[in-house]
Amino acid sequence: MTENASDSHGKYVSSIDVAAGEIIIVYGNESHSSLAGKVLILTPFATEDGSIVWQCGLSTYGTTSGGTPIGDNTSNRSTTVPVQYLHSACKA
């Protein structure tokens, strides 16, 4: 991964960036038409026992488990992948 998010890409991903403690994945044009240009956010949380949990997509796991966000989490981006295409762990 480099400083430029568009340098980290592949057939189905147009960019991967790390900003404000979050991993921001933007799907590319060769992915399914319902995903092209959509965003998936992964947010890290620290738990009381010092473990790291990741909240992905529309999940509320990090916030409902009493975790504390790592980083400033101010990317102001949100997951735009339609819920039916999210992994079950990434749903609300």
PDB file of N, CA and C in Angstrom:
ATOM      1  N   MET A   1       0.845  -1.169   0.000  1.00  0.00           N
ATOM      2  CA  MET A   1       0.000   0.000   0.000  1.00  0.00           C
ATOM      3  C   MET A   1       0.895   1.238   0.000  1.00  0.00           C
ATOM      4  N   THR A   2       0.475   2.246  -0.716  1.00  0.00           N
ATOM      5  CA  THR A   2       1.234   3.485  -0.784  1.00  0.00           C
ATOM      6  C   THR A   2       0.396   4.618  -0.222  1.00  0.00           C
ATOM      7  N   GLU A   3       0.949   5.819  -0.244  1.00  0.00           N
ATOM      8  CA  GLU A   3       0.198   6.979   0.258  1.00  0.00           C
ATOM      9  C   GLU A   3      -0.999   7.309  -0.625  1.00  0.00           C
ATOM     10  N   ASN A   4      -0.944   6.946  -1.903  1.00  0.00           N
ATOM     11  CA  ASN A   4      -2.025   7.247  -2.827  1.00  0.00           C
ATOM     12  C   ASN A   4      -2.995   6.064  -2.856  1.00  0.00           C
ATOM     13  N   ALA A   5      -4.248   6.289  -2.448  1.00  0.00           N
ATOM     14  CA  ALA A   5      -5.230   5.205  -2.349  1.00  0.00           C
ATOM     15  C   ALA A   5      -5.446   4.493  -3.674  1.00  0.00           C
ATOM     16  N   SER A   6      -5.360   5.202  -4.777  1.00  0.00           N
ATOM     17  CA  SER A   6      -5.608   4.574  -6.070  1.00  0.00           C
ATOM     18  C   SER A   6      -4.457   3.669  -6.503  1.00  0.00           C
ATOM     19  N   ASP A   7      -3.304   3.729  -5.824  1.00  0.00           N
ATOM     20  CA  ASP A   7      -2.192   2.823  -6.124  1.00  0.00           C
ATOM     21  C   ASP A   7      -2.481   1.411  -5.631  1.00  0.00           C
ATOM     22  N   SER A   8      -3.399   1.261  -4.691  1.00  0.00           N
ATOM     23  CA  SER A   8      -3.779  -0.041  -4.148  1.00  0.00           C
ATOM     24  C   SER A   8      -5.099  -0.439  -4.779  1.00  0.00           C
ATOM     25  N   HIS A   9      -5.021  -1.187  -5.849  1.00  0.00           N
ATOM     26  CA  HIS A   9      -6.234  -1.565  -6.560  1.00  0.00           C
ATOM     27  C   HIS A   9      -6.048  -2.918  -7.233  1.00  0.00           C
ATOM     28  N   GLY A  10      -7.113  -3.423  -7.743  1.00  0.00           N
ATOM     29  CA  GLY A  10      -7.100  -4.700  -8.436  1.00  0.00           C
ATOM     30  C   GLY A  10      -8.266  -4.759  -9.396  1.00  0.00           C
ATOM     31  N   LYS A  11      -8.580  -5.965  -9.819  1.00  0.00           N
ATOM     32  CA  LYS A  11      -9.648  -6.146 -10.797  1.00  0.00           C
ATOM     33  C   LYS A  11     -11.006  -5.656 -10.273  1.00  0.00           C
ATOM     34  N   TYR A  12     -11.281  -5.883  -8.988  1.00  0.00           N
ATOM     35  CA  TYR A  12     -12.592  -5.536  -8.436  1.00  0.00           C
ATOM     36  C   TYR A  12     -12.575  -4.366  -7.455  1.00  0.00           C
ATOM     37  N   VAL A  13     -11.406  -3.849  -7.161  1.00  0.00           N
ATOM     38  CA  VAL A  13     -11.266  -2.749  -6.201  1.00  0.00           C
ATOM     39  C   VAL A  13     -10.544  -1.591  -6.869  1.00  0.00           C
ATOM     40  N   SER A  14     -11.134  -0.390  -6.792  1.00  0.00           N
ATOM     41  CA  SER A  14     -10.474   0.766  -7.411  1.00  0.00           C
ATOM     42  C   SER A  14      -9.530   1.462  -6.451  1.00  0.00           C
ATOM     43  N   SER A  15      -9.777   1.363  -5.128  1.00  0.00           N
ATOM     44  CA  SER A  15      -8.846   1.958  -4.177  1.00  0.00           C
ATOM     45  C   SER A  15      -9.062   1.401  -2.781  1.00  0.00           C
ATOM     46  N   ILE A  16      -7.973   1.414  -2.011  1.00  0.00           N
ATOM     47  CA  ILE A  16      -7.999   1.072  -0.592  1.00  0.00           C
ATOM     48  C   ILE A  16      -7.232   2.182   0.101  1.00  0.00           C
ATOM     49  N   ASP A  17      -7.851   2.792   1.091  1.00  0.00           N
ATOM     50  CA  ASP A  17      -7.214   3.896   1.783  1.00  0.00           C
ATOM     51  C   ASP A  17      -7.374   3.688   3.287  1.00  0.00           C
ATOM     52  N   VAL A  18      -6.464   4.259   4.043  1.00  0.00           N
ATOM     53  CA  VAL A  18      -6.574   4.281   5.498  1.00  0.00           C
ATOM     54  C   VAL A  18      -6.651   5.747   5.886  1.00  0.00           C
ATOM     55  N   ALA A  19      -7.754   6.123   6.525  1.00  0.00           N
ATOM     56  CA  ALA A  19      -7.952   7.520   6.908  1.00  0.00           C
ATOM     57  C   ALA A  19      -8.707   7.565   8.226  1.00  0.00           C
ATOM     58  N   ALA A  20      -8.238   8.389   9.128  1.00  0.00           N
ATOM     59  CA  ALA A  20      -8.913   8.612  10.412  1.00  0.00           C
ATOM     60  C   ALA A  20      -9.132   7.301  11.165  1.00  0.00           C
ATOM     61  N   GLY A  21      -8.197   6.347  11.013  1.00  0.00           N
ATOM     62  CA  GLY A  21      -8.295   5.079  11.715  1.00  0.00           C
ATOM     63  C   GLY A  21      -9.139   4.038  11.013  1.00  0.00           C
ATOM     64  N   GLU A  22      -9.722   4.357   9.879  1.00  0.00           N
ATOM     65  CA  GLU A  22     -10.602   3.442   9.168  1.00  0.00           C
ATOM     66  C   GLU A  22      -9.933   2.940   7.890  1.00  0.00           C
ATOM     67  N   ILE A  23     -10.345   1.755   7.451  1.00  0.00           N
ATOM     68  CA  ILE A  23      -9.948   1.251   6.138  1.00  0.00           C
ATOM     69  C   ILE A  23     -11.133   1.505   5.217  1.00  0.00           C
ATOM     70  N   ILE A  24     -10.872   2.185   4.118  1.00  0.00           N
ATOM     71  CA  ILE A  24     -11.923   2.574   3.182  1.00  0.00           C
ATOM     72  C   ILE A  24     -11.663   1.864   1.855  1.00  0.00           C
ATOM     73  N   ILE A  25     -12.583   0.989   1.463  1.00  0.00           N
ATOM     74  CA  ILE A  25     -12.452   0.215   0.232  1.00  0.00           C
ATOM     75  C   ILE A  25     -13.502   0.704  -0.755  1.00  0.00           C
ATOM     76  N   VAL A  26     -13.051   1.058  -1.962  1.00  0.00           N
ATOM     77  CA  VAL A  26     -13.965   1.483  -3.019  1.00  0.00           C
ATOM     78  C   VAL A  26     -13.917   0.422  -4.121  1.00  0.00           C
ATOM     79  N   TYR A  27     -15.064  -0.138  -4.444  1.00  0.00           N
ATOM     80  CA  TYR A  27     -15.136  -1.184  -5.462  1.00  0.00           C
ATOM     81  C   TYR A  27     -15.013  -0.587  -6.850  1.00  0.00           C
ATOM     82  N   GLY A  28     -14.357  -1.332  -7.741  1.00  0.00           N
ATOM     83  CA  GLY A  28     -14.083  -0.868  -9.095  1.00  0.00           C
ATOM     84  C   GLY A  28     -15.158  -1.250 -10.092  1.00  0.00           C
ATOM     85  N   ASN A  29     -14.963  -0.782 -11.307  1.00  0.00           N
ATOM     86  CA  ASN A  29     -15.945  -0.986 -12.371  1.00  0.00           C
ATOM     87  C   ASN A  29     -16.056  -2.427 -12.851  1.00  0.00           C
ATOM     88  N   GLU A  30     -15.045  -3.269 -12.566  1.00  0.00           N
ATOM     89  CA  GLU A  30     -15.129  -4.669 -12.978  1.00  0.00           C
ATOM     90  C   GLU A  30     -15.841  -5.537 -11.947  1.00  0.00           C
ATOM     91  N   SER A  31     -16.190  -4.951 -10.803  1.00  0.00           N
ATOM     92  CA  SER A  31     -16.975  -5.702  -9.823  1.00  0.00           C
ATOM     93  C   SER A  31     -18.420  -5.737 -10.316  1.00  0.00           C
ATOM     94  N   HIS A  32     -19.265  -6.467  -9.620  1.00  0.00           N
ATOM     95  CA  HIS A  32     -20.682  -6.541  -9.986  1.00  0.00           C
ATOM     96  C   HIS A  32     -21.234  -5.126 -10.137  1.00  0.00           C
ATOM     97  N   SER A  33     -22.115  -4.915 -11.080  1.00  0.00           N
ATOM     98  CA  SER A  33     -22.640  -3.568 -11.349  1.00  0.00           C
ATOM     99  C   SER A  33     -23.294  -2.932 -10.123  1.00  0.00           C
ATOM    100  N   SER A  34     -23.813  -3.746  -9.206  1.00  0.00           N
ATOM    101  CA  SER A  34     -24.426  -3.212  -7.985  1.00  0.00           C
ATOM    102  C   SER A  34     -23.387  -2.729  -6.982  1.00  0.00           C
ATOM    103  N   LEU A  35     -22.106  -3.109  -7.190  1.00  0.00           N
ATOM    104  CA  LEU A  35     -21.038  -2.725  -6.268  1.00  0.00           C
ATOM    105  C   LEU A  35     -20.112  -1.657  -6.841  1.00  0.00           C
ATOM    106  N   ALA A  36     -20.066  -1.514  -8.143  1.00  0.00           N
ATOM    107  CA  ALA A  36     -19.136  -0.574  -8.774  1.00  0.00           C
ATOM    108  C   ALA A  36     -19.289   0.824  -8.183  1.00  0.00           C
ATOM    109  N   GLY A  37     -18.187   1.360  -7.673  1.00  0.00           N
ATOM    110  CA  GLY A  37     -18.181   2.701  -7.088  1.00  0.00           C
ATOM    111  C   GLY A  37     -18.666   2.760  -5.646  1.00  0.00           C
ATOM    112  N   LYS A  38     -19.129   1.640  -5.105  1.00  0.00           N
ATOM    113  CA  LYS A  38     -19.630   1.616  -3.721  1.00  0.00           C
ATOM    114  C   LYS A  38     -18.462   1.527  -2.738  1.00  0.00           C
ATOM    115  N   VAL A  39     -18.733   1.930  -1.499  1.00  0.00           N
ATOM    116  CA  VAL A  39     -17.706   2.024  -0.464  1.00  0.00           C
ATOM    117  C   VAL A  39     -18.016   1.066   0.680  1.00  0.00           C
ATOM    118  N   LEU A  40     -16.954   0.398   1.196  1.00  0.00           N
ATOM    119  CA  LEU A  40     -17.060  -0.429   2.395  1.00  0.00           C
ATOM    120  C   LEU A  40     -16.075   0.125   3.415  1.00  0.00           C
ATOM    121  N   ILE A  41     -16.561   0.423   4.618  1.00  0.00           N
ATOM    122  CA  ILE A  41     -15.738   0.994   5.681  1.00  0.00           C
ATOM    123  C   ILE A  41     -15.498  -0.060   6.766  1.00  0.00           C
ATOM    124  N   LEU A  42     -14.245  -0.176   7.209  1.00  0.00           N
ATOM    125  CA  LEU A  42     -13.869  -1.028   8.343  1.00  0.00           C
ATOM    126  C   LEU A  42     -13.324  -0.102   9.424  1.00  0.00           C
ATOM    127  N   THR A  43     -13.935  -0.137  10.614  1.00  0.00           N
ATOM    128  CA  THR A  43     -13.563   0.759  11.702  1.00  0.00           C
ATOM    129  C   THR A  43     -13.046  -0.040  12.894  1.00  0.00           C
ATOM    130  N   PRO A  44     -11.841   0.264  13.397  1.00  0.00           N
ATOM    131  CA  PRO A  44     -11.311  -0.470  14.547  1.00  0.00           C
ATOM    132  C   PRO A  44     -11.812   0.100  15.878  1.00  0.00           C
ATOM    133  N   PHE A  45     -12.059  -0.804  16.834  1.00  0.00           N
ATOM    134  CA  PHE A  45     -12.453  -0.422  18.190  1.00  0.00           C
ATOM    135  C   PHE A  45     -11.598  -1.199  19.174  1.00  0.00           C
ATOM    136  N   ALA A  46     -11.211  -0.564  20.268  1.00  0.00           N
ATOM    137  CA  ALA A  46     -10.502  -1.228  21.361  1.00  0.00           C
ATOM    138  C   ALA A  46     -11.531  -1.610  22.418  1.00  0.00           C
ATOM    139  N   THR A  47     -11.466  -2.863  22.885  1.00  0.00           N
ATOM    140  CA  THR A  47     -12.381  -3.322  23.926  1.00  0.00           C
ATOM    141  C   THR A  47     -11.741  -3.103  25.293  1.00  0.00           C
ATOM    142  N   GLU A  48     -12.526  -3.308  26.342  1.00  0.00           N
ATOM    143  CA  GLU A  48     -12.022  -3.111  27.706  1.00  0.00           C
ATOM    144  C   GLU A  48     -10.840  -4.014  28.025  1.00  0.00           C
ATOM    145  N   ASP A  49     -10.796  -5.212  27.427  1.00  0.00           N
ATOM    146  CA  ASP A  49      -9.690  -6.128  27.711  1.00  0.00           C
ATOM    147  C   ASP A  49      -8.479  -5.883  26.805  1.00  0.00           C
ATOM    148  N   GLY A  50      -8.531  -4.835  25.994  1.00  0.00           N
ATOM    149  CA  GLY A  50      -7.402  -4.478  25.131  1.00  0.00           C
ATOM    150  C   GLY A  50      -7.420  -5.135  23.766  1.00  0.00           C
ATOM    151  N   SER A  51      -8.452  -5.906  23.481  1.00  0.00           N
ATOM    152  CA  SER A  51      -8.573  -6.525  22.152  1.00  0.00           C
ATOM    153  C   SER A  51      -9.017  -5.489  21.131  1.00  0.00           C
ATOM    154  N   ILE A  52      -8.769  -5.804  19.878  1.00  0.00           N
ATOM    155  CA  ILE A  52      -9.243  -4.964  18.779  1.00  0.00           C
ATOM    156  C   ILE A  52     -10.380  -5.693  18.093  1.00  0.00           C
ATOM    157  N   VAL A  53     -11.495  -5.015  17.903  1.00  0.00           N
ATOM    158  CA  VAL A  53     -12.603  -5.545  17.112  1.00  0.00           C
ATOM    159  C   VAL A  53     -12.832  -4.601  15.946  1.00  0.00           C
ATOM    160  N   TRP A  54     -13.260  -5.170  14.841  1.00  0.00           N
ATOM    161  CA  TRP A  54     -13.505  -4.365  13.645  1.00  0.00           C
ATOM    162  C   TRP A  54     -14.996  -4.310  13.373  1.00  0.00           C
ATOM    163  N   GLN A  55     -15.490  -3.124  13.205  1.00  0.00           N
ATOM    164  CA  GLN A  55     -16.871  -2.919  12.807  1.00  0.00           C
ATOM    165  C   GLN A  55     -16.838  -2.744  11.292  1.00  0.00           C
ATOM    166  N   CYS A  56     -17.613  -3.536  10.585  1.00  0.00           N
ATOM    167  CA  CYS A  56     -17.579  -3.409   9.135  1.00  0.00           C
ATOM    168  C   CYS A  56     -18.958  -3.111   8.590  1.00  0.00           C
ATOM    169  N   GLY A  57     -18.959  -2.329   7.540  1.00  0.00           N
ATOM    170  CA  GLY A  57     -20.211  -2.027   6.858  1.00  0.00           C
ATOM    171  C   GLY A  57     -21.217  -1.356   7.747  1.00  0.00           C
ATOM    172  N   LEU A  58     -22.388  -1.948   7.822  1.00  0.00           N
ATOM    173  CA  LEU A  58     -23.500  -1.371   8.583  1.00  0.00           C
ATOM    174  C   LEU A  58     -23.600  -1.940   9.989  1.00  0.00           C
ATOM    175  N   SER A  59     -22.650  -2.808  10.348  1.00  0.00           N
ATOM    176  CA  SER A  59     -22.647  -3.416  11.672  1.00  0.00           C
ATOM    177  C   SER A  59     -22.505  -2.354  12.754  1.00  0.00           C
ATOM    178  N   THR A  60     -23.067  -2.633  13.914  1.00  0.00           N
ATOM    179  CA  THR A  60     -22.900  -1.753  15.069  1.00  0.00           C
ATOM    180  C   THR A  60     -22.089  -2.444  16.150  1.00  0.00           C
ATOM    181  N   TYR A  61     -21.378  -3.514  15.778  1.00  0.00           N
ATOM    182  CA  TYR A  61     -20.677  -4.334  16.774  1.00  0.00           C
ATOM    183  C   TYR A  61     -19.731  -3.514  17.646  1.00  0.00           C
ATOM    184  N   GLY A  62     -18.875  -2.722  17.057  1.00  0.00           N
ATOM    185  CA  GLY A  62     -17.910  -1.947  17.838  1.00  0.00           C
ATOM    186  C   GLY A  62     -18.580  -0.977  18.790  1.00  0.00           C
ATOM    187  N   THR A  63     -19.605  -0.319  18.329  1.00  0.00           N
ATOM    188  CA  THR A  63     -20.274   0.676  19.169  1.00  0.00           C
ATOM    189  C   THR A  63     -21.146   0.014  20.234  1.00  0.00           C
ATOM    190  N   THR A  64     -21.756  -1.124  19.919  1.00  0.00           N
ATOM    191  CA  THR A  64     -22.634  -1.767  20.904  1.00  0.00           C
ATOM    192  C   THR A  64     -21.870  -2.650  21.874  1.00  0.00           C
ATOM    193  N   SER A  65     -20.614  -2.992  21.566  1.00  0.00           N
ATOM    194  CA  SER A  65     -19.840  -3.838  22.476  1.00  0.00           C
ATOM    195  C   SER A  65     -19.094  -3.010  23.514  1.00  0.00           C
ATOM    196  N   GLY A  66     -19.342  -1.712  23.519  1.00  0.00           N
ATOM    197  CA  GLY A  66     -18.676  -0.852  24.488  1.00  0.00           C
ATOM    198  C   GLY A  66     -17.260  -0.499  24.090  1.00  0.00           C
ATOM    199  N   GLY A  67     -16.912  -0.791  22.848  1.00  0.00           N
ATOM    200  CA  GLY A  67     -15.575  -0.484  22.371  1.00  0.00           C
ATOM    201  C   GLY A  67     -15.362   1.003  22.168  1.00  0.00           C
ATOM    202  N   THR A  68     -14.084   1.382  22.193  1.00  0.00           N
ATOM    203  CA  THR A  68     -13.703   2.771  21.964  1.00  0.00           C
ATOM    204  C   THR A  68     -13.070   2.868  20.580  1.00  0.00           C
ATOM    205  N   PRO A  69     -13.545   3.778  19.725  1.00  0.00           N
ATOM    206  CA  PRO A  69     -12.962   3.903  18.392  1.00  0.00           C
ATOM    207  C   PRO A  69     -11.464   4.202  18.470  1.00  0.00           C
ATOM    208  N   ILE A  70     -10.703   3.584  17.572  1.00  0.00           N
ATOM    209  CA  ILE A  70      -9.268   3.857  17.481  1.00  0.00           C
ATOM    210  C   ILE A  70      -9.071   4.866  16.365  1.00  0.00           C
ATOM    211  N   GLY A  71      -8.262   5.876  16.598  1.00  0.00           N
ATOM    212  CA  GLY A  71      -8.108   6.952  15.620  1.00  0.00           C
ATOM    213  C   GLY A  71      -9.199   7.975  15.846  1.00  0.00           C
ATOM    214  N   ASP A  72      -9.237   8.962  14.991  1.00  0.00           N
ATOM    215  CA  ASP A  72     -10.248  10.003  15.211  1.00  0.00           C
ATOM    216  C   ASP A  72     -11.545   9.729  14.482  1.00  0.00           C
ATOM    217  N   ASN A  73     -11.563   8.714  13.596  1.00  0.00           N
ATOM    218  CA  ASN A  73     -12.778   8.279  12.917  1.00  0.00           C
ATOM    219  C   ASN A  73     -13.600   9.443  12.376  1.00  0.00           C
ATOM    220  N   THR A  74     -12.927  10.348  11.720  1.00  0.00           N
ATOM    221  CA  THR A  74     -13.612  11.510  11.163  1.00  0.00           C
ATOM    222  C   THR A  74     -13.532  11.528   9.640  1.00  0.00           C
ATOM    223  N   SER A  75     -13.438  10.362   9.030  1.00  0.00           N
ATOM    224  CA  SER A  75     -13.324  10.316   7.570  1.00  0.00           C
ATOM    225  C   SER A  75     -14.588  10.822   6.895  1.00  0.00           C
ATOM    226  N   ASN A  76     -15.690  10.873   7.638  1.00  0.00           N
ATOM    227  CA  ASN A  76     -16.974  11.326   7.098  1.00  0.00           C
ATOM    228  C   ASN A  76     -17.418  10.514   5.895  1.00  0.00           C
ATOM    229  N   ARG A  77     -16.969   9.262   5.827  1.00  0.00           N
ATOM    230  CA  ARG A  77     -17.406   8.351   4.781  1.00  0.00           C
ATOM    231  C   ARG A  77     -18.282   7.306   5.449  1.00  0.00           C
ATOM    232  N   SER A  78     -19.154   6.719   4.685  1.00  0.00           N
ATOM    233  CA  SER A  78     -19.974   5.645   5.237  1.00  0.00           C
ATOM    234  C   SER A  78     -20.103   4.542   4.188  1.00  0.00           C
ATOM    235  N   THR A  79     -20.431   3.366   4.650  1.00  0.00           N
ATOM    236  CA  THR A  79     -20.611   2.238   3.753  1.00  0.00           C
ATOM    237  C   THR A  79     -21.812   2.492   2.860  1.00  0.00           C
ATOM    238  N   THR A  80     -21.602   2.308   1.559  1.00  0.00           N
ATOM    239  CA  THR A  80     -22.687   2.493   0.591  1.00  0.00           C
ATOM    240  C   THR A  80     -23.030   1.191  -0.137  1.00  0.00           C
ATOM    241  N   VAL A  81     -22.363   0.091   0.243  1.00  0.00           N
ATOM    242  CA  VAL A  81     -22.658  -1.212  -0.360  1.00  0.00           C
ATOM    243  C   VAL A  81     -24.073  -1.612   0.059  1.00  0.00           C
ATOM    244  N   PRO A  82     -24.924  -1.998  -0.900  1.00  0.00           N
ATOM    245  CA  PRO A  82     -26.276  -2.428  -0.538  1.00  0.00           C
ATOM    246  C   PRO A  82     -26.222  -3.603   0.449  1.00  0.00           C
ATOM    247  N   VAL A  83     -27.119  -3.609   1.411  1.00  0.00           N
ATOM    248  CA  VAL A  83     -27.092  -4.578   2.506  1.00  0.00           C
ATOM    249  C   VAL A  83     -27.090  -6.025   2.003  1.00  0.00           C
ATOM    250  N   GLN A  84     -27.760  -6.303   0.913  1.00  0.00           N
ATOM    251  CA  GLN A  84     -27.827  -7.686   0.425  1.00  0.00           C
ATOM    252  C   GLN A  84     -26.470  -8.196  -0.075  1.00  0.00           C
ATOM    253  N   TYR A  85     -25.501  -7.313  -0.303  1.00  0.00           N
ATOM    254  CA  TYR A  85     -24.173  -7.718  -0.764  1.00  0.00           C
ATOM    255  C   TYR A  85     -23.140  -7.735   0.362  1.00  0.00           C
ATOM    256  N   LEU A  86     -23.538  -7.364   1.562  1.00  0.00           N
ATOM    257  CA  LEU A  86     -22.622  -7.368   2.694  1.00  0.00           C
ATOM    258  C   LEU A  86     -22.550  -8.755   3.333  1.00  0.00           C
ATOM    259  N   HIS A  87     -21.387  -9.112   3.827  1.00  0.00           N
ATOM    260  CA  HIS A  87     -21.220 -10.339   4.622  1.00  0.00           C
ATOM    261  C   HIS A  87     -22.107 -10.207   5.847  1.00  0.00           C
ATOM    262  N   SER A  88     -22.584 -11.302   6.396  1.00  0.00           N
ATOM    263  CA  SER A  88     -23.482 -11.245   7.552  1.00  0.00           C
ATOM    264  C   SER A  88     -22.874 -10.491   8.728  1.00  0.00           C
ATOM    265  N   ALA A  89     -21.532 -10.540   8.902  1.00  0.00           N
ATOM    266  CA  ALA A  89     -20.886  -9.830   9.992  1.00  0.00           C
ATOM    267  C   ALA A  89     -20.883  -8.328   9.774  1.00  0.00           C
ATOM    268  N   CYS A  90     -21.169  -7.879   8.567  1.00  0.00           N
ATOM    269  CA  CYS A  90     -21.146  -6.455   8.241  1.00  0.00           C
ATOM    270  C   CYS A  90     -22.529  -5.824   8.232  1.00  0.00           C
ATOM    271  N   LYS A  91     -23.540  -6.604   8.560  1.00  0.00           N
ATOM    272  CA  LYS A  91     -24.902  -6.085   8.586  1.00  0.00           C
ATOM    273  C   LYS A  91     -25.248  -5.603   9.975  1.00  0.00           C
ATOM    274  N   ALA A  92     -26.252  -4.761  10.069  1.00  0.00           N
ATOM    275  CA  ALA A  92     -26.652  -4.160  11.348  1.00  0.00           C
ATOM    276  C   ALA A  92     -27.012  -5.164  12.395  1.00  0.00           C
TER     277      ALA A  92
END
